[in-house]
N, C-alpha and C. Protein backbone atom coordinates (compact mmCIF):
# COMPACT_ATOMS: atom_id res chain seq x y z
N MET A 1 87.43 -86.80 -56.02
CA MET A 1 86.87 -86.06 -54.90
C MET A 1 85.91 -86.95 -54.12
N ILE A 2 85.59 -86.52 -52.89
CA ILE A 2 84.61 -87.21 -52.06
C ILE A 2 83.31 -86.40 -52.12
N VAL A 3 82.23 -87.07 -52.44
CA VAL A 3 80.94 -86.41 -52.60
C VAL A 3 79.91 -87.09 -51.71
N LEU A 4 79.22 -86.32 -50.90
CA LEU A 4 78.06 -86.80 -50.16
C LEU A 4 76.84 -86.05 -50.66
N GLU A 5 75.81 -86.79 -51.06
CA GLU A 5 74.55 -86.20 -51.50
C GLU A 5 73.43 -86.70 -50.59
N ARG A 6 73.00 -85.83 -49.68
CA ARG A 6 71.94 -86.16 -48.72
C ARG A 6 72.20 -87.51 -48.07
N ALA A 7 73.42 -87.69 -47.62
CA ALA A 7 73.82 -88.95 -46.97
C ALA A 7 73.38 -88.93 -45.51
N SER A 8 72.70 -89.96 -45.09
CA SER A 8 72.33 -90.13 -43.68
C SER A 8 72.71 -91.54 -43.26
N TYR A 9 72.91 -91.72 -41.96
CA TYR A 9 73.42 -93.02 -41.48
C TYR A 9 72.84 -93.35 -40.13
N ARG A 10 72.47 -94.63 -39.97
CA ARG A 10 72.02 -95.18 -38.69
C ARG A 10 72.97 -96.31 -38.29
N TYR A 11 73.41 -96.28 -37.05
CA TYR A 11 74.26 -97.36 -36.54
C TYR A 11 73.46 -98.65 -36.41
N PRO A 12 74.12 -99.79 -36.44
CA PRO A 12 73.41 -101.06 -36.29
C PRO A 12 72.57 -101.09 -35.02
N GLY A 13 71.33 -101.50 -35.14
CA GLY A 13 70.45 -101.61 -33.99
C GLY A 13 69.77 -100.32 -33.58
N SER A 14 70.08 -99.22 -34.25
CA SER A 14 69.49 -97.93 -33.90
C SER A 14 68.34 -97.61 -34.84
N SER A 15 67.31 -97.00 -34.29
CA SER A 15 66.17 -96.60 -35.11
C SER A 15 66.24 -95.15 -35.55
N ALA A 16 67.16 -94.40 -34.97
CA ALA A 16 67.29 -92.97 -35.29
C ALA A 16 68.61 -92.72 -36.00
N PRO A 17 68.62 -91.84 -36.98
CA PRO A 17 69.88 -91.54 -37.68
C PRO A 17 70.86 -90.77 -36.79
N ALA A 18 72.12 -91.19 -36.80
CA ALA A 18 73.16 -90.45 -36.10
C ALA A 18 73.67 -89.30 -36.95
N LEU A 19 73.46 -89.40 -38.26
CA LEU A 19 73.82 -88.33 -39.19
C LEU A 19 72.59 -88.00 -40.01
N PRO A 20 72.06 -86.78 -39.89
CA PRO A 20 70.92 -86.40 -40.72
C PRO A 20 71.37 -86.22 -42.17
N PRO A 21 70.45 -86.12 -43.11
CA PRO A 21 70.84 -85.94 -44.51
C PRO A 21 71.83 -84.80 -44.68
N THR A 22 73.01 -85.12 -45.18
CA THR A 22 74.12 -84.16 -45.25
C THR A 22 74.76 -84.22 -46.63
N SER A 23 75.07 -83.07 -47.19
CA SER A 23 75.73 -83.00 -48.49
C SER A 23 77.01 -82.18 -48.37
N LEU A 24 78.04 -82.65 -49.05
CA LEU A 24 79.29 -81.89 -49.14
C LEU A 24 80.11 -82.42 -50.30
N VAL A 25 81.07 -81.61 -50.74
CA VAL A 25 82.03 -82.01 -51.77
C VAL A 25 83.42 -81.64 -51.27
N LEU A 26 84.31 -82.62 -51.27
CA LEU A 26 85.71 -82.40 -50.87
C LEU A 26 86.59 -82.61 -52.09
N HIS A 27 87.21 -81.54 -52.56
CA HIS A 27 88.09 -81.61 -53.72
C HIS A 27 89.53 -81.86 -53.28
N PRO A 28 90.35 -82.45 -54.14
CA PRO A 28 91.78 -82.56 -53.85
C PRO A 28 92.38 -81.19 -53.55
N GLY A 29 93.23 -81.13 -52.55
CA GLY A 29 93.89 -79.88 -52.21
C GLY A 29 93.04 -78.92 -51.41
N GLU A 30 91.88 -79.36 -50.95
CA GLU A 30 90.97 -78.50 -50.20
C GLU A 30 90.82 -79.00 -48.77
N ILE A 31 90.64 -78.07 -47.83
CA ILE A 31 90.35 -78.43 -46.44
C ILE A 31 88.93 -77.99 -46.12
N VAL A 32 88.08 -78.94 -45.80
CA VAL A 32 86.71 -78.66 -45.40
C VAL A 32 86.60 -78.91 -43.90
N GLY A 33 86.31 -77.87 -43.13
CA GLY A 33 86.14 -78.02 -41.71
C GLY A 33 84.70 -78.41 -41.37
N VAL A 34 84.53 -79.09 -40.26
CA VAL A 34 83.20 -79.48 -39.77
C VAL A 34 83.12 -79.07 -38.31
N ARG A 35 82.09 -78.31 -37.98
CA ARG A 35 81.90 -77.92 -36.58
C ARG A 35 80.46 -78.19 -36.17
N GLY A 36 80.27 -78.25 -34.86
CA GLY A 36 78.94 -78.52 -34.32
C GLY A 36 79.07 -78.98 -32.90
N PRO A 37 77.98 -78.90 -32.14
CA PRO A 37 78.02 -79.34 -30.74
C PRO A 37 78.19 -80.84 -30.63
N ASN A 38 78.47 -81.31 -29.43
CA ASN A 38 78.56 -82.75 -29.20
C ASN A 38 77.25 -83.42 -29.60
N GLU A 39 77.36 -84.62 -30.14
CA GLU A 39 76.21 -85.41 -30.59
C GLU A 39 75.55 -84.83 -31.84
N SER A 40 76.22 -83.91 -32.53
CA SER A 40 75.63 -83.36 -33.75
C SER A 40 75.91 -84.21 -34.98
N GLY A 41 76.83 -85.19 -34.84
CA GLY A 41 77.11 -86.09 -35.96
C GLY A 41 78.46 -85.91 -36.60
N LYS A 42 79.37 -85.16 -35.96
CA LYS A 42 80.69 -84.92 -36.58
C LYS A 42 81.46 -86.21 -36.78
N THR A 43 81.55 -87.03 -35.73
CA THR A 43 82.28 -88.29 -35.84
C THR A 43 81.62 -89.21 -36.85
N THR A 44 80.29 -89.27 -36.84
CA THR A 44 79.58 -90.11 -37.79
C THR A 44 79.82 -89.64 -39.22
N LEU A 45 79.84 -88.33 -39.43
CA LEU A 45 80.15 -87.81 -40.75
C LEU A 45 81.53 -88.26 -41.21
N CYS A 46 82.51 -88.24 -40.30
CA CYS A 46 83.86 -88.70 -40.64
C CYS A 46 83.85 -90.18 -41.03
N LEU A 47 83.09 -90.98 -40.29
CA LEU A 47 83.00 -92.42 -40.61
C LEU A 47 82.36 -92.64 -41.96
N VAL A 48 81.33 -91.86 -42.27
CA VAL A 48 80.63 -92.02 -43.55
C VAL A 48 81.51 -91.53 -44.70
N ALA A 49 82.14 -90.37 -44.53
CA ALA A 49 82.96 -89.80 -45.60
C ALA A 49 84.17 -90.68 -45.92
N SER A 50 84.70 -91.35 -44.92
CA SER A 50 85.86 -92.23 -45.13
C SER A 50 85.45 -93.61 -45.63
N GLY A 51 84.14 -93.88 -45.66
CA GLY A 51 83.65 -95.17 -46.13
C GLY A 51 83.58 -96.24 -45.06
N LEU A 52 84.11 -95.96 -43.87
CA LEU A 52 84.10 -96.98 -42.81
C LEU A 52 82.68 -97.34 -42.40
N ALA A 53 81.77 -96.37 -42.50
CA ALA A 53 80.35 -96.64 -42.29
C ALA A 53 79.67 -96.54 -43.67
N PRO A 54 79.11 -97.61 -44.18
CA PRO A 54 78.79 -98.86 -43.48
C PRO A 54 79.74 -100.03 -43.78
N VAL A 55 80.79 -99.82 -44.58
CA VAL A 55 81.58 -100.95 -45.07
C VAL A 55 82.14 -101.79 -43.93
N VAL A 56 82.69 -101.13 -42.91
CA VAL A 56 83.30 -101.84 -41.78
C VAL A 56 82.32 -101.97 -40.62
N LEU A 57 81.56 -100.92 -40.36
CA LEU A 57 80.71 -100.89 -39.17
C LEU A 57 79.33 -101.49 -39.39
N GLY A 58 78.92 -101.67 -40.63
CA GLY A 58 77.54 -102.08 -40.87
C GLY A 58 76.62 -100.88 -40.73
N GLY A 59 75.37 -101.11 -40.34
CA GLY A 59 74.42 -100.02 -40.23
C GLY A 59 73.77 -99.72 -41.56
N ARG A 60 72.99 -98.66 -41.60
CA ARG A 60 72.21 -98.32 -42.79
C ARG A 60 72.61 -96.94 -43.31
N LEU A 61 73.09 -96.90 -44.52
CA LEU A 61 73.44 -95.66 -45.19
C LEU A 61 72.40 -95.36 -46.25
N GLU A 62 71.88 -94.16 -46.22
CA GLU A 62 70.97 -93.70 -47.26
C GLU A 62 71.57 -92.48 -47.94
N GLY A 63 71.15 -92.24 -49.17
CA GLY A 63 71.76 -91.17 -49.93
C GLY A 63 72.98 -91.69 -50.68
N LYS A 64 73.84 -90.79 -51.12
CA LYS A 64 74.97 -91.16 -51.98
C LYS A 64 76.28 -90.72 -51.35
N VAL A 65 77.27 -91.62 -51.34
CA VAL A 65 78.63 -91.30 -50.94
C VAL A 65 79.57 -91.84 -52.01
N LEU A 66 80.29 -90.95 -52.68
CA LEU A 66 81.21 -91.34 -53.74
C LEU A 66 82.63 -90.95 -53.36
N ILE A 67 83.56 -91.87 -53.55
CA ILE A 67 84.99 -91.59 -53.37
C ILE A 67 85.66 -91.79 -54.72
N ASP A 68 86.11 -90.69 -55.32
CA ASP A 68 86.67 -90.73 -56.68
C ASP A 68 85.72 -91.43 -57.64
N GLY A 69 84.45 -91.09 -57.53
CA GLY A 69 83.45 -91.57 -58.47
C GLY A 69 82.87 -92.94 -58.18
N ARG A 70 83.38 -93.63 -57.16
CA ARG A 70 82.87 -94.97 -56.83
C ARG A 70 82.06 -94.92 -55.54
N PRO A 71 80.91 -95.59 -55.51
CA PRO A 71 80.15 -95.65 -54.26
C PRO A 71 80.98 -96.26 -53.15
N SER A 72 81.01 -95.62 -51.99
CA SER A 72 81.88 -96.09 -50.90
C SER A 72 81.53 -97.50 -50.48
N ARG A 73 80.26 -97.87 -50.55
CA ARG A 73 79.85 -99.20 -50.08
C ARG A 73 80.35 -100.31 -51.00
N GLU A 74 80.84 -99.94 -52.19
CA GLU A 74 81.37 -100.94 -53.12
C GLU A 74 82.87 -101.17 -52.94
N LEU A 75 83.51 -100.37 -52.09
CA LEU A 75 84.95 -100.47 -51.89
C LEU A 75 85.26 -101.40 -50.72
N ALA A 76 86.28 -102.24 -50.89
CA ALA A 76 86.72 -103.12 -49.81
C ALA A 76 87.50 -102.31 -48.77
N PRO A 77 87.59 -102.80 -47.53
CA PRO A 77 88.30 -102.05 -46.49
C PRO A 77 89.73 -101.66 -46.88
N HIS A 78 90.46 -102.56 -47.55
CA HIS A 78 91.84 -102.22 -47.92
C HIS A 78 91.87 -101.14 -48.99
N GLU A 79 90.85 -101.08 -49.86
CA GLU A 79 90.78 -100.02 -50.85
C GLU A 79 90.49 -98.69 -50.18
N LEU A 80 89.62 -98.70 -49.19
CA LEU A 80 89.31 -97.48 -48.45
C LEU A 80 90.56 -96.95 -47.74
N ALA A 81 91.34 -97.86 -47.14
CA ALA A 81 92.53 -97.44 -46.39
C ALA A 81 93.54 -96.74 -47.27
N VAL A 82 93.66 -97.18 -48.51
CA VAL A 82 94.61 -96.56 -49.44
C VAL A 82 94.11 -95.21 -49.93
N ARG A 83 92.79 -95.09 -50.11
CA ARG A 83 92.22 -93.86 -50.64
C ARG A 83 92.04 -92.78 -49.58
N CYS A 84 91.73 -93.19 -48.36
CA CYS A 84 91.32 -92.21 -47.36
C CYS A 84 91.87 -92.58 -45.99
N GLY A 85 92.79 -91.77 -45.47
CA GLY A 85 93.33 -92.01 -44.14
C GLY A 85 92.45 -91.35 -43.10
N ALA A 86 91.95 -92.11 -42.13
CA ALA A 86 91.02 -91.59 -41.14
C ALA A 86 91.63 -91.65 -39.75
N LEU A 87 91.55 -90.52 -39.04
CA LEU A 87 92.06 -90.43 -37.67
C LEU A 87 90.90 -90.06 -36.75
N PHE A 88 90.72 -90.85 -35.68
CA PHE A 88 89.61 -90.61 -34.77
C PHE A 88 90.11 -90.25 -33.37
N ASP A 89 89.14 -89.98 -32.48
CA ASP A 89 89.47 -89.35 -31.20
C ASP A 89 90.32 -90.24 -30.29
N ASN A 90 90.22 -91.55 -30.44
CA ASN A 90 91.02 -92.45 -29.61
C ASN A 90 92.16 -93.03 -30.44
N PRO A 91 93.31 -92.35 -30.50
CA PRO A 91 94.38 -92.79 -31.39
C PRO A 91 94.99 -94.13 -30.98
N THR A 92 94.89 -94.50 -29.70
CA THR A 92 95.46 -95.77 -29.26
C THR A 92 94.86 -96.94 -30.01
N SER A 93 93.58 -96.84 -30.32
CA SER A 93 92.90 -97.94 -31.02
C SER A 93 93.37 -98.07 -32.45
N GLN A 94 94.09 -97.07 -32.96
CA GLN A 94 94.54 -97.12 -34.35
C GLN A 94 95.98 -97.63 -34.49
N LEU A 95 96.65 -97.86 -33.36
CA LEU A 95 97.99 -98.44 -33.42
C LEU A 95 97.87 -99.96 -33.48
N THR A 96 98.86 -100.61 -34.07
CA THR A 96 98.75 -102.05 -34.32
C THR A 96 99.06 -102.91 -33.11
N ASP A 97 99.83 -102.38 -32.16
CA ASP A 97 100.29 -103.16 -31.00
C ASP A 97 101.18 -104.32 -31.43
N LEU A 98 101.87 -104.15 -32.55
CA LEU A 98 102.71 -105.21 -33.09
C LEU A 98 104.20 -104.86 -33.07
N HIS A 99 104.52 -103.60 -32.77
CA HIS A 99 105.89 -103.14 -32.99
C HIS A 99 106.52 -102.59 -31.71
N ARG A 100 107.85 -102.61 -31.69
CA ARG A 100 108.59 -102.18 -30.52
C ARG A 100 109.04 -100.73 -30.60
N THR A 101 108.98 -100.14 -31.77
CA THR A 101 109.38 -98.74 -31.90
C THR A 101 108.33 -97.98 -32.70
N VAL A 102 108.28 -96.68 -32.46
CA VAL A 102 107.38 -95.80 -33.19
C VAL A 102 107.71 -95.83 -34.68
N LEU A 103 108.99 -95.85 -35.03
CA LEU A 103 109.36 -95.86 -36.45
C LEU A 103 108.78 -97.09 -37.15
N GLU A 104 108.85 -98.24 -36.52
CA GLU A 104 108.28 -99.45 -37.10
C GLU A 104 106.77 -99.32 -37.24
N GLU A 105 106.14 -98.71 -36.23
CA GLU A 105 104.68 -98.52 -36.27
C GLU A 105 104.28 -97.64 -37.46
N VAL A 106 104.97 -96.53 -37.64
CA VAL A 106 104.65 -95.61 -38.72
C VAL A 106 104.94 -96.24 -40.08
N ALA A 107 105.95 -97.09 -40.13
CA ALA A 107 106.33 -97.73 -41.40
C ALA A 107 105.42 -98.89 -41.77
N PHE A 108 104.57 -99.34 -40.84
CA PHE A 108 103.76 -100.53 -41.08
C PHE A 108 102.84 -100.38 -42.30
N GLY A 109 102.18 -99.23 -42.41
CA GLY A 109 101.25 -99.02 -43.52
C GLY A 109 101.93 -99.08 -44.88
N PRO A 110 102.93 -98.22 -45.12
CA PRO A 110 103.59 -98.27 -46.43
C PRO A 110 104.29 -99.60 -46.70
N CYS A 111 104.72 -100.30 -45.65
CA CYS A 111 105.33 -101.62 -45.84
C CYS A 111 104.32 -102.58 -46.48
N ASN A 112 103.04 -102.44 -46.07
CA ASN A 112 102.01 -103.31 -46.62
C ASN A 112 101.61 -102.95 -48.04
N LEU A 113 102.11 -101.83 -48.54
CA LEU A 113 101.86 -101.48 -49.93
C LEU A 113 102.84 -102.16 -50.87
N GLY A 114 103.81 -102.90 -50.30
CA GLY A 114 104.78 -103.60 -51.13
C GLY A 114 105.87 -102.70 -51.69
N LEU A 115 106.12 -101.58 -51.02
CA LEU A 115 107.13 -100.64 -51.49
C LEU A 115 108.53 -101.11 -51.10
N PRO A 116 109.57 -100.66 -51.81
CA PRO A 116 110.94 -100.99 -51.42
C PRO A 116 111.24 -100.49 -50.00
N ALA A 117 112.11 -101.19 -49.29
CA ALA A 117 112.40 -100.86 -47.90
C ALA A 117 112.88 -99.42 -47.74
N ALA A 118 113.70 -98.94 -48.68
CA ALA A 118 114.22 -97.58 -48.57
C ALA A 118 113.09 -96.55 -48.66
N GLU A 119 112.12 -96.80 -49.54
CA GLU A 119 110.99 -95.87 -49.65
C GLU A 119 110.10 -95.93 -48.42
N VAL A 120 109.92 -97.12 -47.87
CA VAL A 120 109.11 -97.26 -46.65
C VAL A 120 109.72 -96.43 -45.52
N LEU A 121 111.01 -96.60 -45.31
CA LEU A 121 111.68 -95.85 -44.24
C LEU A 121 111.67 -94.36 -44.52
N GLY A 122 111.85 -94.00 -45.79
CA GLY A 122 111.83 -92.59 -46.15
C GLY A 122 110.48 -91.96 -45.85
N ARG A 123 109.41 -92.66 -46.17
CA ARG A 123 108.07 -92.14 -45.89
C ARG A 123 107.83 -92.01 -44.38
N ALA A 124 108.26 -93.01 -43.64
CA ALA A 124 108.05 -93.00 -42.19
C ALA A 124 108.78 -91.83 -41.54
N TRP A 125 110.06 -91.65 -41.91
CA TRP A 125 110.83 -90.54 -41.34
C TRP A 125 110.23 -89.20 -41.77
N ALA A 126 109.83 -89.07 -43.03
CA ALA A 126 109.28 -87.82 -43.52
C ALA A 126 107.99 -87.45 -42.77
N ALA A 127 107.15 -88.45 -42.50
CA ALA A 127 105.89 -88.20 -41.79
C ALA A 127 106.17 -87.74 -40.36
N LEU A 128 107.11 -88.39 -39.68
CA LEU A 128 107.45 -87.99 -38.32
C LEU A 128 108.04 -86.58 -38.28
N LYS A 129 108.92 -86.27 -39.23
CA LYS A 129 109.53 -84.95 -39.27
C LYS A 129 108.50 -83.87 -39.56
N LEU A 130 107.53 -84.18 -40.43
CA LEU A 130 106.50 -83.21 -40.78
C LEU A 130 105.71 -82.77 -39.54
N LEU A 131 105.57 -83.69 -38.58
CA LEU A 131 104.82 -83.41 -37.37
C LEU A 131 105.71 -83.02 -36.20
N GLY A 132 107.01 -82.89 -36.46
CA GLY A 132 107.94 -82.56 -35.39
C GLY A 132 108.05 -83.66 -34.36
N ALA A 133 107.90 -84.91 -34.80
CA ALA A 133 107.86 -86.04 -33.87
C ALA A 133 108.96 -87.05 -34.11
N GLU A 134 110.00 -86.65 -34.84
CA GLU A 134 111.07 -87.61 -35.13
C GLU A 134 111.79 -88.08 -33.86
N HIS A 135 111.72 -87.27 -32.78
CA HIS A 135 112.36 -87.67 -31.52
C HIS A 135 111.67 -88.88 -30.89
N LEU A 136 110.49 -89.22 -31.36
CA LEU A 136 109.76 -90.38 -30.83
C LEU A 136 110.11 -91.68 -31.54
N ALA A 137 110.92 -91.63 -32.59
CA ALA A 137 111.13 -92.78 -33.48
C ALA A 137 111.56 -94.03 -32.74
N GLY A 138 112.42 -93.90 -31.72
CA GLY A 138 112.92 -95.08 -31.03
C GLY A 138 112.11 -95.49 -29.82
N ARG A 139 111.05 -94.75 -29.51
CA ARG A 139 110.24 -95.05 -28.33
C ARG A 139 109.31 -96.23 -28.59
N HIS A 140 108.92 -96.91 -27.51
CA HIS A 140 107.93 -97.99 -27.63
C HIS A 140 106.55 -97.36 -27.73
N PRO A 141 105.72 -97.77 -28.69
CA PRO A 141 104.39 -97.15 -28.85
C PRO A 141 103.51 -97.24 -27.61
N ALA A 142 103.74 -98.23 -26.77
CA ALA A 142 102.91 -98.39 -25.57
C ALA A 142 103.32 -97.43 -24.46
N ARG A 143 104.44 -96.73 -24.64
CA ARG A 143 104.94 -95.83 -23.59
C ARG A 143 104.85 -94.37 -24.02
N LEU A 144 103.81 -94.04 -24.75
CA LEU A 144 103.60 -92.68 -25.21
C LEU A 144 102.46 -92.03 -24.45
N SER A 145 102.50 -90.72 -24.34
CA SER A 145 101.37 -89.99 -23.78
C SER A 145 100.23 -89.97 -24.80
N GLY A 146 99.06 -89.47 -24.38
CA GLY A 146 97.94 -89.39 -25.30
C GLY A 146 98.24 -88.52 -26.50
N GLY A 147 98.88 -87.37 -26.26
CA GLY A 147 99.23 -86.48 -27.36
C GLY A 147 100.25 -87.08 -28.29
N GLU A 148 101.25 -87.76 -27.73
CA GLU A 148 102.27 -88.41 -28.56
C GLU A 148 101.65 -89.52 -29.40
N THR A 149 100.72 -90.27 -28.80
CA THR A 149 100.05 -91.33 -29.54
C THR A 149 99.26 -90.75 -30.71
N GLN A 150 98.63 -89.59 -30.49
CA GLN A 150 97.89 -88.92 -31.54
C GLN A 150 98.81 -88.55 -32.71
N LEU A 151 100.00 -88.05 -32.38
CA LEU A 151 100.97 -87.70 -33.42
C LEU A 151 101.41 -88.94 -34.20
N VAL A 152 101.66 -90.03 -33.50
CA VAL A 152 102.12 -91.25 -34.16
C VAL A 152 101.04 -91.83 -35.07
N ALA A 153 99.79 -91.81 -34.60
CA ALA A 153 98.70 -92.31 -35.43
C ALA A 153 98.56 -91.47 -36.69
N LEU A 154 98.68 -90.15 -36.57
CA LEU A 154 98.59 -89.28 -37.74
C LEU A 154 99.78 -89.49 -38.66
N ALA A 155 100.97 -89.68 -38.09
CA ALA A 155 102.15 -89.94 -38.92
C ALA A 155 101.97 -91.22 -39.74
N GLY A 156 101.36 -92.24 -39.12
CA GLY A 156 101.10 -93.47 -39.85
C GLY A 156 100.21 -93.25 -41.05
N LEU A 157 99.23 -92.36 -40.92
CA LEU A 157 98.35 -92.05 -42.05
C LEU A 157 99.12 -91.27 -43.12
N LEU A 158 99.89 -90.28 -42.70
CA LEU A 158 100.65 -89.48 -43.66
C LEU A 158 101.65 -90.32 -44.44
N ALA A 159 102.22 -91.33 -43.79
CA ALA A 159 103.20 -92.20 -44.46
C ALA A 159 102.56 -93.00 -45.59
N LEU A 160 101.26 -93.26 -45.50
CA LEU A 160 100.56 -93.97 -46.56
C LEU A 160 100.34 -93.09 -47.79
N GLU A 161 100.45 -91.76 -47.60
CA GLU A 161 100.25 -90.78 -48.67
C GLU A 161 98.92 -90.97 -49.38
N PRO A 162 97.81 -91.03 -48.62
CA PRO A 162 96.50 -91.17 -49.25
C PRO A 162 96.07 -89.87 -49.91
N PRO A 163 95.20 -89.92 -50.89
CA PRO A 163 94.73 -88.68 -51.52
C PRO A 163 93.78 -87.88 -50.65
N TYR A 164 93.21 -88.53 -49.61
CA TYR A 164 92.29 -87.84 -48.71
C TYR A 164 92.63 -88.17 -47.26
N LEU A 165 92.41 -87.19 -46.38
CA LEU A 165 92.52 -87.39 -44.95
C LEU A 165 91.20 -86.99 -44.31
N VAL A 166 90.70 -87.81 -43.41
CA VAL A 166 89.51 -87.49 -42.62
C VAL A 166 89.95 -87.47 -41.16
N LEU A 167 89.88 -86.31 -40.54
CA LEU A 167 90.47 -86.10 -39.22
C LEU A 167 89.38 -85.67 -38.24
N ASP A 168 89.17 -86.48 -37.22
CA ASP A 168 88.18 -86.18 -36.20
C ASP A 168 88.88 -85.63 -34.96
N GLU A 169 88.92 -84.30 -34.85
CA GLU A 169 89.58 -83.60 -33.75
C GLU A 169 91.01 -84.12 -33.53
N PRO A 170 91.87 -83.96 -34.53
CA PRO A 170 93.21 -84.55 -34.48
C PRO A 170 94.17 -83.89 -33.49
N VAL A 171 93.80 -82.74 -32.93
CA VAL A 171 94.71 -82.08 -31.98
C VAL A 171 94.10 -82.01 -30.58
N SER A 172 93.06 -82.79 -30.33
CA SER A 172 92.34 -82.69 -29.05
C SER A 172 93.20 -83.04 -27.85
N ARG A 173 94.24 -83.84 -28.03
CA ARG A 173 95.09 -84.27 -26.91
C ARG A 173 96.43 -83.54 -26.89
N LEU A 174 96.55 -82.51 -27.73
CA LEU A 174 97.82 -81.80 -27.85
C LEU A 174 97.74 -80.42 -27.21
N ASP A 175 98.90 -79.91 -26.77
CA ASP A 175 98.93 -78.54 -26.28
C ASP A 175 98.79 -77.59 -27.47
N PRO A 176 98.43 -76.34 -27.23
CA PRO A 176 98.17 -75.41 -28.34
C PRO A 176 99.33 -75.28 -29.33
N GLU A 177 100.55 -75.24 -28.82
CA GLU A 177 101.71 -75.09 -29.71
C GLU A 177 101.84 -76.28 -30.64
N ARG A 178 101.73 -77.49 -30.10
CA ARG A 178 101.83 -78.70 -30.92
C ARG A 178 100.63 -78.81 -31.86
N GLY A 179 99.47 -78.36 -31.38
CA GLY A 179 98.29 -78.38 -32.23
C GLY A 179 98.46 -77.52 -33.47
N LEU A 180 99.06 -76.35 -33.29
CA LEU A 180 99.31 -75.48 -34.44
C LEU A 180 100.33 -76.10 -35.39
N MET A 181 101.30 -76.82 -34.86
CA MET A 181 102.27 -77.50 -35.70
C MET A 181 101.58 -78.56 -36.56
N VAL A 182 100.66 -79.30 -35.95
CA VAL A 182 99.92 -80.31 -36.70
C VAL A 182 99.07 -79.64 -37.77
N ALA A 183 98.43 -78.51 -37.41
CA ALA A 183 97.63 -77.79 -38.39
C ALA A 183 98.47 -77.37 -39.59
N GLU A 184 99.67 -76.88 -39.33
CA GLU A 184 100.55 -76.48 -40.43
C GLU A 184 100.92 -77.69 -41.30
N ALA A 185 101.14 -78.83 -40.67
CA ALA A 185 101.47 -80.04 -41.43
C ALA A 185 100.31 -80.45 -42.32
N VAL A 186 99.10 -80.35 -41.80
CA VAL A 186 97.92 -80.70 -42.59
C VAL A 186 97.74 -79.72 -43.75
N ILE A 187 97.99 -78.44 -43.49
CA ILE A 187 97.88 -77.44 -44.55
C ILE A 187 98.90 -77.71 -45.65
N ARG A 188 100.12 -78.08 -45.26
CA ARG A 188 101.13 -78.40 -46.26
C ARG A 188 100.71 -79.62 -47.09
N ALA A 189 100.11 -80.61 -46.43
CA ALA A 189 99.63 -81.78 -47.17
C ALA A 189 98.56 -81.37 -48.17
N SER A 190 97.67 -80.47 -47.77
CA SER A 190 96.62 -80.03 -48.69
C SER A 190 97.21 -79.28 -49.87
N ARG A 191 98.26 -78.51 -49.64
CA ARG A 191 98.89 -77.78 -50.74
C ARG A 191 99.56 -78.73 -51.73
N ASN A 192 99.86 -79.93 -51.26
CA ASN A 192 100.41 -80.96 -52.15
C ASN A 192 99.31 -81.79 -52.81
N GLY A 193 98.05 -81.37 -52.65
CA GLY A 193 96.96 -82.02 -53.37
C GLY A 193 96.08 -82.93 -52.55
N VAL A 194 96.34 -83.04 -51.23
CA VAL A 194 95.52 -83.92 -50.38
C VAL A 194 94.24 -83.19 -50.00
N GLY A 195 93.09 -83.85 -50.16
CA GLY A 195 91.83 -83.32 -49.68
C GLY A 195 91.65 -83.68 -48.23
N VAL A 196 91.25 -82.72 -47.40
CA VAL A 196 91.17 -82.93 -45.95
C VAL A 196 89.78 -82.57 -45.44
N LEU A 197 89.15 -83.50 -44.74
CA LEU A 197 87.92 -83.23 -43.99
C LEU A 197 88.31 -83.19 -42.52
N TRP A 198 88.05 -82.06 -41.85
CA TRP A 198 88.58 -81.83 -40.50
C TRP A 198 87.43 -81.45 -39.56
N ALA A 199 87.05 -82.36 -38.67
CA ALA A 199 86.07 -82.05 -37.62
C ALA A 199 86.81 -81.42 -36.45
N GLU A 200 86.36 -80.25 -36.02
CA GLU A 200 87.15 -79.49 -35.05
C GLU A 200 86.25 -78.53 -34.25
N HIS A 201 86.66 -78.26 -33.00
CA HIS A 201 85.98 -77.27 -32.16
C HIS A 201 86.70 -75.92 -32.19
N ASP A 202 88.02 -75.94 -32.31
CA ASP A 202 88.83 -74.74 -32.14
C ASP A 202 88.61 -73.77 -33.31
N PRO A 203 88.05 -72.58 -33.05
CA PRO A 203 87.79 -71.64 -34.14
C PRO A 203 89.05 -71.17 -34.85
N ARG A 204 90.19 -71.17 -34.15
CA ARG A 204 91.44 -70.75 -34.79
C ARG A 204 91.84 -71.73 -35.89
N LEU A 205 91.61 -73.02 -35.66
CA LEU A 205 91.95 -74.02 -36.66
C LEU A 205 90.91 -74.05 -37.77
N LEU A 206 89.64 -73.89 -37.41
CA LEU A 206 88.59 -73.85 -38.44
C LEU A 206 88.79 -72.67 -39.38
N ALA A 207 89.37 -71.59 -38.86
CA ALA A 207 89.61 -70.41 -39.70
C ALA A 207 90.63 -70.70 -40.80
N ARG A 208 91.43 -71.76 -40.64
CA ARG A 208 92.43 -72.10 -41.64
C ARG A 208 91.83 -72.96 -42.77
N CYS A 209 90.58 -73.37 -42.61
CA CYS A 209 89.94 -74.23 -43.62
C CYS A 209 89.44 -73.40 -44.81
N ASP A 210 89.30 -74.04 -45.94
CA ASP A 210 88.79 -73.37 -47.13
C ASP A 210 87.30 -73.10 -47.02
N GLN A 211 86.60 -74.01 -46.38
CA GLN A 211 85.17 -73.81 -46.09
C GLN A 211 84.83 -74.62 -44.85
N VAL A 212 83.71 -74.27 -44.21
CA VAL A 212 83.31 -74.92 -42.97
C VAL A 212 81.85 -75.33 -43.07
N LEU A 213 81.57 -76.58 -42.73
CA LEU A 213 80.22 -77.12 -42.69
C LEU A 213 79.73 -77.12 -41.25
N ASP A 214 78.56 -76.55 -41.01
CA ASP A 214 77.97 -76.52 -39.67
C ASP A 214 76.96 -77.64 -39.53
N LEU A 215 77.16 -78.50 -38.53
CA LEU A 215 76.19 -79.54 -38.21
C LEU A 215 75.40 -79.14 -36.97
N GLY A 216 74.21 -79.68 -36.84
CA GLY A 216 73.41 -79.42 -35.66
C GLY A 216 72.72 -78.09 -35.67
N ARG A 217 72.58 -77.50 -36.87
CA ARG A 217 71.87 -76.21 -36.96
C ARG A 217 70.70 -76.34 -37.92
């Protein structure tokens, strides 16, 4: 599980914490929603819970953050990527810009795990189908809309089959119908044992969470 005990974080060069002391526990198979106004620390919480802050970003972390019993700051970036798939508001920045098709892009992560080619392709197709995005498989990643890019970035995370997902407003660029489809896919992943931390504004989606943490109150 992911555990935060009075975890607070300051970005490099900042004198004020972007995340006030915050505690939460995310168990496998559970969806924990996070809500709060802009600038309340939702994105920073996602960075801290996924270990990216401070391991990748630097800055100052106080308190305790454990991922499966290990302090997050002791994990290397590649270890974090395998344990926790993180999706942020700008999905374009999460694509590799190395591939000519969406299928290749989604397959990139599991390919780096050293899996057999058949399993890599199977995971990539399964992730796209789960999100109703298999029709994008042959498209060039640079020629996608914002919503399509969001789906592809999430598919890439699902193909890695991490035990945890940290999602920062993963449906913000999608129409309501597609957003609900993504929500159902995330719920199915949680039923298969994936722990999900979901920062979200939409009360309909937060209502699907097992519990909700309020920031900025």
